[in-house]
Amino acid sequence: MIQNAEQALALLKRSGVMTVVRAGACPSLVVETLGEVVRGSWWAHPKGGVVYAILAELDDHPDVLITRLIDGKNALVHRALWPALLRLVTDDAWRKRATASLDPEARALLRRVEKARRLRADAMPTEMRRAKDSLARSLLVRVDQEHTPSGRHQLVLERWNAWASARQVAPADVSFDQALAQLEGACGRETLPFLTAR
């Protein structure tokens, strides 16, 4: 069982991807920390605070990306797989198909994020706030949370290339299918249907 962020990071380095809650074939931070599958919210578990503390420490780690990779749920992706992930989410053909599948409000919000590079939920026009969850699940943008001065968390949507530039990461110089195979090697085959629909 995982007892601290150092152990969680070691597991993530070995596996490449780790979900927060159980999803796909990769390890789950909640299951690995608590030693059991939790029905309902892990926050209510007596050791939920331990999971939260580990997750918060990993969120700040320079080798960890948290994104909604599997079933719209948060997954931790190790730096070694960032180039493969970037190759997929910046692929022009995939982005065109994924954008076409969004509803009009989510497409409008995507255009706004692409123009602004980074957009916090509380800065979005009210009529677009409902679209943020749909856009966040699409993987067309990177999703983050930011602490506001009032102590609240605000969802932030960011262009992938802005995130990659800030971290000096480039998309892998491989085919889309090769990048997908790298990611599925960590997540499990056919775990990423929104990416495989080409």
Foldseek 3Di string as FASTA:
>chain_A
DDQALVVVVVQCVVLQKEFCADAFDAHHLLCVHVVDHDDDDCCPPPCSVRSVRSVVVQCPDLQWAWALQFPRGTMIGGNVLVQLLCCQLVDPVLLVVLLVPADPLLNVVLVVQVVVQKDWLVRDPPVNNVNVSVNRNSSNWGWDWDQDPVRDIIIMTGHPVVVCVVSVHHHDPDDNVVSVVVVCSSRPPPRRVSRVPD
